[in-house]
Amino acid sequence: RKNPHIGIIGPVTNRIGNEAQIDLGEYTSKQDQLAQQRVAEYTSKRVNKLLYVHMVAFFCVLLPRAVVDKIGLLDEGFRFGFFEDDDYCQRIRLAGYSVAIADGVFVWHEEHKSMDQFNATGKQAVFDRNKIYYEKKWGAWKPHVYRR
């Protein structure tokens, strides 16, 4: 392990609600050659570059087994889809580890595909319920920010 202080790390992506999202400009799909070229240009300039953040979204993460052994598993009190990643990253930081994004690694994200089983009202209900659960544990939730 090159950086043993990192407890969890995620990639950059095309679509997510935090700093992991990079600007690919206009594109039609993940097969769009211009989008692929932009990804290659972005990541090739940032190999081994890290961005330390408050949380990483759990659509794709990497963490050492030792961190899971120390922190435990995901809190099953969260219902499917929202805030379980915020909670876990909070627990990782409290255990003394950092949370980071690998700026030279890109994973395409089909945002909310796992949530398509819910209609808009159902998604909002899960979000609201999990937000209340999160805030009971940690206090007021701070909405995610995008990189500048």
C-alpha atoms as a PDB file:
ATOM      1  CA  ARG A   1       0.000   0.000   0.000  1.00  0.00           C
ATOM      2  CA  LYS A   2       1.478   3.216  -1.185  1.00  0.00           C
ATOM      3  CA  ASN A   3      -0.781   5.413   0.999  1.00  0.00           C
ATOM      4  CA  PRO A   4      -1.802   3.487   4.136  1.00  0.00           C
ATOM      5  CA  HIS A   5      -3.629   6.553   5.495  1.00  0.00           C
ATOM      6  CA  ILE A   6      -6.266   6.241   2.744  1.00  0.00           C
ATOM      7  CA  GLY A   7      -9.231   4.278   4.024  1.00  0.00           C
ATOM      8  CA  ILE A   8     -11.296   4.348   0.853  1.00  0.00           C
ATOM      9  CA  ILE A   9     -10.810   5.589  -2.689  1.00  0.00           C
ATOM     10  CA  GLY A  10     -13.066   6.053  -5.700  1.00  0.00           C
ATOM     11  CA  PRO A  11     -12.637   7.053  -9.354  1.00  0.00           C
ATOM     12  CA  VAL A  12     -13.642  10.122 -11.309  1.00  0.00           C
ATOM     13  CA  THR A  13     -16.747   9.708 -13.434  1.00  0.00           C
ATOM     14  CA  ASN A  14     -19.067  11.323 -15.917  1.00  0.00           C
ATOM     15  CA  ARG A  15     -22.131  11.716 -13.686  1.00  0.00           C
ATOM     16  CA  ILE A  16     -22.353  11.821  -9.902  1.00  0.00           C
ATOM     17  CA  GLY A  17     -23.415  14.354  -7.317  1.00  0.00           C
ATOM     18  CA  ASN A  18     -20.015  15.279  -5.891  1.00  0.00           C
ATOM     19  CA  GLU A  19     -16.357  16.105  -6.640  1.00  0.00           C
ATOM     20  CA  ALA A  20     -15.829  12.854  -8.527  1.00  0.00           C
ATOM     21  CA  GLN A  21     -17.733  14.247 -11.519  1.00  0.00           C
ATOM     22  CA  ILE A  22     -15.524  15.649 -14.259  1.00  0.00           C
ATOM     23  CA  ASP A  23     -16.657  17.791 -17.158  1.00  0.00           C
ATOM     24  CA  LEU A  24     -16.755  15.819 -20.387  1.00  0.00           C
ATOM     25  CA  GLY A  25     -18.629  18.489 -22.285  1.00  0.00           C
ATOM     26  CA  GLU A  26     -21.499  17.364 -24.491  1.00  0.00           C
ATOM     27  CA  TYR A  27     -21.716  13.666 -25.335  1.00  0.00           C
ATOM     28  CA  THR A  28     -24.389  11.260 -26.505  1.00  0.00           C
ATOM     29  CA  SER A  29     -23.329   8.016 -24.811  1.00  0.00           C
ATOM     30  CA  LYS A  30     -20.353   6.220 -23.335  1.00  0.00           C
ATOM     31  CA  GLN A  31     -19.514   5.074 -26.876  1.00  0.00           C
ATOM     32  CA  ASP A  32     -19.164   8.714 -27.984  1.00  0.00           C
ATOM     33  CA  GLN A  33     -15.589   8.981 -29.273  1.00  0.00           C
ATOM     34  CA  LEU A  34     -15.225  12.604 -28.206  1.00  0.00           C
ATOM     35  CA  ALA A  35     -16.219  11.689 -24.635  1.00  0.00           C
ATOM     36  CA  GLN A  36     -13.731   8.807 -24.659  1.00  0.00           C
ATOM     37  CA  GLN A  37     -11.012  11.154 -25.938  1.00  0.00           C
ATOM     38  CA  ARG A  38     -11.779  13.671 -23.176  1.00  0.00           C
ATOM     39  CA  VAL A  39     -11.588  10.907 -20.552  1.00  0.00           C
ATOM     40  CA  ALA A  40      -8.214   9.738 -21.913  1.00  0.00           C
ATOM     41  CA  GLU A  41      -6.860  13.293 -21.963  1.00  0.00           C
ATOM     42  CA  TYR A  42      -8.069  13.997 -18.436  1.00  0.00           C
ATOM     43  CA  THR A  43      -6.858  10.793 -16.795  1.00  0.00           C
ATOM     44  CA  SER A  44      -3.502  10.592 -18.613  1.00  0.00           C
ATOM     45  CA  LYS A  45      -2.536  13.957 -17.123  1.00  0.00           C
ATOM     46  CA  ARG A  46      -3.508  12.869 -13.612  1.00  0.00           C
ATOM     47  CA  VAL A  47      -2.005   9.415 -13.098  1.00  0.00           C
ATOM     48  CA  ASN A  48      -1.262   8.957  -9.371  1.00  0.00           C
ATOM     49  CA  LYS A  49      -2.992  12.263  -8.489  1.00  0.00           C
ATOM     50  CA  LEU A  50      -5.340  12.158  -5.519  1.00  0.00           C
ATOM     51  CA  LEU A  51      -8.098  14.513  -4.464  1.00  0.00           C
ATOM     52  CA  TYR A  52      -8.936  14.273  -0.768  1.00  0.00           C
ATOM     53  CA  VAL A  53     -12.669  14.642  -0.176  1.00  0.00           C
ATOM     54  CA  HIS A  54     -15.367  14.323   2.462  1.00  0.00           C
ATOM     55  CA  MET A  55     -17.015  11.295   0.845  1.00  0.00           C
ATOM     56  CA  VAL A  56     -16.956   9.058  -2.209  1.00  0.00           C
ATOM     57  CA  ALA A  57     -20.082   7.632  -3.772  1.00  0.00           C
ATOM     58  CA  PHE A  58     -20.354   3.873  -3.514  1.00  0.00           C
ATOM     59  CA  PHE A  59     -21.088   3.189  -7.163  1.00  0.00           C
ATOM     60  CA  CYS A  60     -17.396   2.189  -7.284  1.00  0.00           C
ATOM     61  CA  VAL A  61     -14.892   2.174  -4.411  1.00  0.00           C
ATOM     62  CA  LEU A  62     -11.810   0.337  -3.260  1.00  0.00           C
ATOM     63  CA  LEU A  63     -10.894  -0.154   0.369  1.00  0.00           C
ATOM     64  CA  PRO A  64      -8.542  -2.459   2.229  1.00  0.00           C
ATOM     65  CA  ARG A  65      -9.919  -5.399   4.156  1.00  0.00           C
ATOM     66  CA  ALA A  66      -8.227  -4.000   7.275  1.00  0.00           C
ATOM     67  CA  VAL A  67     -10.459  -0.927   7.069  1.00  0.00           C
ATOM     68  CA  VAL A  68     -13.608  -3.063   6.815  1.00  0.00           C
ATOM     69  CA  ASP A  69     -12.379  -5.146   9.772  1.00  0.00           C
ATOM     70  CA  LYS A  70     -11.857  -1.964  11.810  1.00  0.00           C
ATOM     71  CA  ILE A  71     -14.942   0.009  10.708  1.00  0.00           C
ATOM     72  CA  GLY A  72     -17.408  -2.809  10.179  1.00  0.00           C
ATOM     73  CA  LEU A  73     -19.925  -3.314   7.408  1.00  0.00           C
ATOM     74  CA  LEU A  74     -22.455  -0.879   6.004  1.00  0.00           C
ATOM     75  CA  ASP A  75     -25.144   0.204   8.454  1.00  0.00           C
ATOM     76  CA  GLU A  76     -28.220  -1.806   7.481  1.00  0.00           C
ATOM     77  CA  GLY A  77     -30.434   0.840   9.048  1.00  0.00           C
ATOM     78  CA  PHE A  78     -30.148   2.745   5.785  1.00  0.00           C
ATOM     79  CA  ARG A  79     -32.592   1.678   3.126  1.00  0.00           C
ATOM     80  CA  PHE A  80     -31.411   1.024  -0.379  1.00  0.00           C
ATOM     81  CA  GLY A  81     -29.733   3.881  -2.165  1.00  0.00           C
ATOM     82  CA  PHE A  82     -28.940   7.030  -0.200  1.00  0.00           C
ATOM     83  CA  PHE A  83     -26.627   8.115   2.618  1.00  0.00           C
ATOM     84  CA  GLU A  84     -25.040   4.729   3.361  1.00  0.00           C
ATOM     85  CA  ASP A  85     -21.904   5.985   1.593  1.00  0.00           C
ATOM     86  CA  ASP A  86     -21.925   9.291   3.514  1.00  0.00           C
ATOM     87  CA  ASP A  87     -22.234   7.328   6.751  1.00  0.00           C
ATOM     88  CA  TYR A  88     -19.454   4.902   5.909  1.00  0.00           C
ATOM     89  CA  CYS A  89     -17.052   7.663   4.847  1.00  0.00           C
ATOM     90  CA  GLN A  90     -17.815   9.512   8.082  1.00  0.00           C
ATOM     91  CA  ARG A  91     -16.919   6.366  10.026  1.00  0.00           C
ATOM     92  CA  ILE A  92     -13.714   5.959   8.010  1.00  0.00           C
ATOM     93  CA  ARG A  93     -12.629   9.532   8.735  1.00  0.00           C
ATOM     94  CA  LEU A  94     -13.415   9.162  12.440  1.00  0.00           C
ATOM     95  CA  ALA A  95     -11.167   6.086  12.494  1.00  0.00           C
ATOM     96  CA  GLY A  96      -8.297   8.289  11.294  1.00  0.00           C
ATOM     97  CA  TYR A  97      -8.253   7.427   7.608  1.00  0.00           C
ATOM     98  CA  SER A  98      -8.568   9.690   4.578  1.00  0.00           C
ATOM     99  CA  VAL A  99     -11.147   9.518   1.812  1.00  0.00           C
ATOM    100  CA  ALA A 100      -9.844  10.150  -1.696  1.00  0.00           C
ATOM    101  CA  ILE A 101     -10.598  10.220  -5.398  1.00  0.00           C
ATOM    102  CA  ALA A 102      -8.033   8.761  -7.814  1.00  0.00           C
ATOM    103  CA  ASP A 103      -8.003  11.500 -10.444  1.00  0.00           C
ATOM    104  CA  GLY A 104      -6.293   9.280 -13.012  1.00  0.00           C
ATOM    105  CA  VAL A 105      -8.942   6.543 -12.867  1.00  0.00           C
ATOM    106  CA  PHE A 106     -12.271   6.870 -14.688  1.00  0.00           C
ATOM    107  CA  VAL A 107     -15.341   4.624 -14.388  1.00  0.00           C
ATOM    108  CA  TRP A 108     -18.458   5.373 -16.438  1.00  0.00           C
ATOM    109  CA  HIS A 109     -21.499   5.805 -14.197  1.00  0.00           C
ATOM    110  CA  GLU A 110     -25.042   5.228 -15.372  1.00  0.00           C
ATOM    111  CA  GLU A 111     -26.423   7.404 -12.596  1.00  0.00           C
ATOM    112  CA  HIS A 112     -29.450   6.131 -10.671  1.00  0.00           C
ATOM    113  CA  LYS A 113     -29.805   2.911 -12.698  1.00  0.00           C
ATOM    114  CA  SER A 114     -30.120   0.943  -9.468  1.00  0.00           C
ATOM    115  CA  MET A 115     -32.858   3.331  -8.356  1.00  0.00           C
ATOM    116  CA  ASP A 116     -34.953   2.916 -11.515  1.00  0.00           C
ATOM    117  CA  GLN A 117     -37.107   0.401  -9.657  1.00  0.00           C
ATOM    118  CA  PHE A 118     -38.611   3.364  -7.780  1.00  0.00           C
ATOM    119  CA  ASN A 119     -40.734   6.150  -9.204  1.00  0.00           C
ATOM    120  CA  ALA A 120     -39.801   9.748  -8.347  1.00  0.00           C
ATOM    121  CA  THR A 121     -41.992   9.730  -5.236  1.00  0.00           C
ATOM    122  CA  GLY A 122     -40.462   6.458  -4.057  1.00  0.00           C
ATOM    123  CA  LYS A 123     -36.898   7.741  -4.577  1.00  0.00           C
ATOM    124  CA  GLN A 124     -37.689  10.898  -2.622  1.00  0.00           C
ATOM    125  CA  ALA A 125     -39.233   8.869   0.197  1.00  0.00           C
ATOM    126  CA  VAL A 126     -36.095   6.708   0.507  1.00  0.00           C
ATOM    127  CA  PHE A 127     -33.898   9.820   0.365  1.00  0.00           C
ATOM    128  CA  ASP A 128     -35.929  11.585   3.068  1.00  0.00           C
ATOM    129  CA  ARG A 129     -36.048   8.536   5.332  1.00  0.00           C
ATOM    130  CA  ASN A 130     -32.313   7.876   5.030  1.00  0.00           C
ATOM    131  CA  LYS A 131     -31.469  11.552   5.540  1.00  0.00           C
ATOM    132  CA  ILE A 132     -33.385  11.537   8.823  1.00  0.00           C
ATOM    133  CA  TYR A 133     -31.560   8.357   9.885  1.00  0.00           C
ATOM    134  CA  TYR A 134     -28.183   9.889   8.929  1.00  0.00           C
ATOM    135  CA  GLU A 135     -28.876  13.136  10.769  1.00  0.00           C
ATOM    136  CA  LYS A 136     -29.887  11.278  13.927  1.00  0.00           C
ATOM    137  CA  LYS A 137     -26.416   9.705  13.890  1.00  0.00           C
ATOM    138  CA  TRP A 138     -24.271  12.614  12.713  1.00  0.00           C
ATOM    139  CA  GLY A 139     -26.192  15.895  12.874  1.00  0.00           C
ATOM    140  CA  ALA A 140     -27.087  18.053   9.886  1.00  0.00           C
ATOM    141  CA  TRP A 141     -26.110  16.567   6.523  1.00  0.00           C
ATOM    142  CA  LYS A 142     -23.984  18.796   4.313  1.00  0.00           C
ATOM    143  CA  PRO A 143     -24.995  18.496   0.654  1.00  0.00           C
ATOM    144  CA  HIS A 144     -22.249  17.337  -1.671  1.00  0.00           C
ATOM    145  CA  VAL A 145     -20.329  19.821  -3.774  1.00  0.00           C
ATOM    146  CA  TYR A 146     -18.914  19.640  -7.267  1.00  0.00           C
ATOM    147  CA  ARG A 147     -15.299  20.401  -8.051  1.00  0.00           C
ATOM    148  CA  ARG A 148     -14.515  23.849  -9.349  1.00  0.00           C
END
